[in-house]
């Protein structure tokens, strides 16, 4: 398939969404993508890969496809894992620049344009957007999610740490090895090795929801750590949030406490304990239980509809 890099003086992009039972948010996401503010890019297609969804995800996507031919639905009979879904998208995508966005997120109105503009520089092979947490700061787990992603943001400004919404040149990563579990880690590692640069685009913002209870918070964090360990072993991925950067992460966390009360200091300490426990469990999963999370079960509280805040 011939890939379109540009249309006129604009960059053509294909957007891929991997979905499994995402009925609550998928309509909001598609609506946001179809109404993106664009002047320098063209969203040529939005491909949703629905992997064994048993709710109304497929029905919602089909409704949008009838209204706008750019929306396309690809279905997998069973849930085969995210890597399988991404590879199906990459196989079908017609644009040279591809965007991957998680189905449980919501981009700001100009996020895709800001994310893709760096590709006018042919040296750029990968860009990553900035996650903004929608959980309330009034609860501990809301605060813990804000703290986690704020630390990721600060680390990404010093060295790329991509997640949830990324763009890259398809020619650099035409597919992902099926025997790994860390898609973003693989892309983040491989593209610089091919001579292209990577860019963090903090003005390209998108919304997401973090886990809202103890069980799901630890479940998500232990899975992430096990995936990082797998990525390190299989293709030498260096984690900006790895153990060697714990001191730097601690300094960032302390800096974010400026002006906060005693309650937040206690919450930060508890969040640090939960992160430590999660890493221990993730290490157990990977080294002892041999769990590599290629086809994991979703964290349910992160799948609620994301309502974009009014402006």
Foldseek 3Di string as FASTA:
>chain_A
DAAAQADPQAGEEEEEEEDAQLVQAQLQQVVLVVQADDDRYDDQAYEYEYACHPDCNVVSQVVVCVVPVRRYYHYHNHQPFDQVRVLVCLVPHRHQKYKYAYSLKHWDRHQVVLQCVVVVPVLAFKEAEQEDEPQDCVDLVSVLVRLVSLLVVVLCVVPNDHDRIMMGGCVQDSGDDLPAADPVLCVSQRNVVVRGDYYYRHVNYMYFYDFDDLVLNLVVLLLVLLNVVRSCVPPNGDDSPDPVCVVVSVVSSVVVCVPPDPVVVVSVVVSVVSNVVSNVNSCCCCPPVVPRCRRDDDRPVRSHHDDDDDD
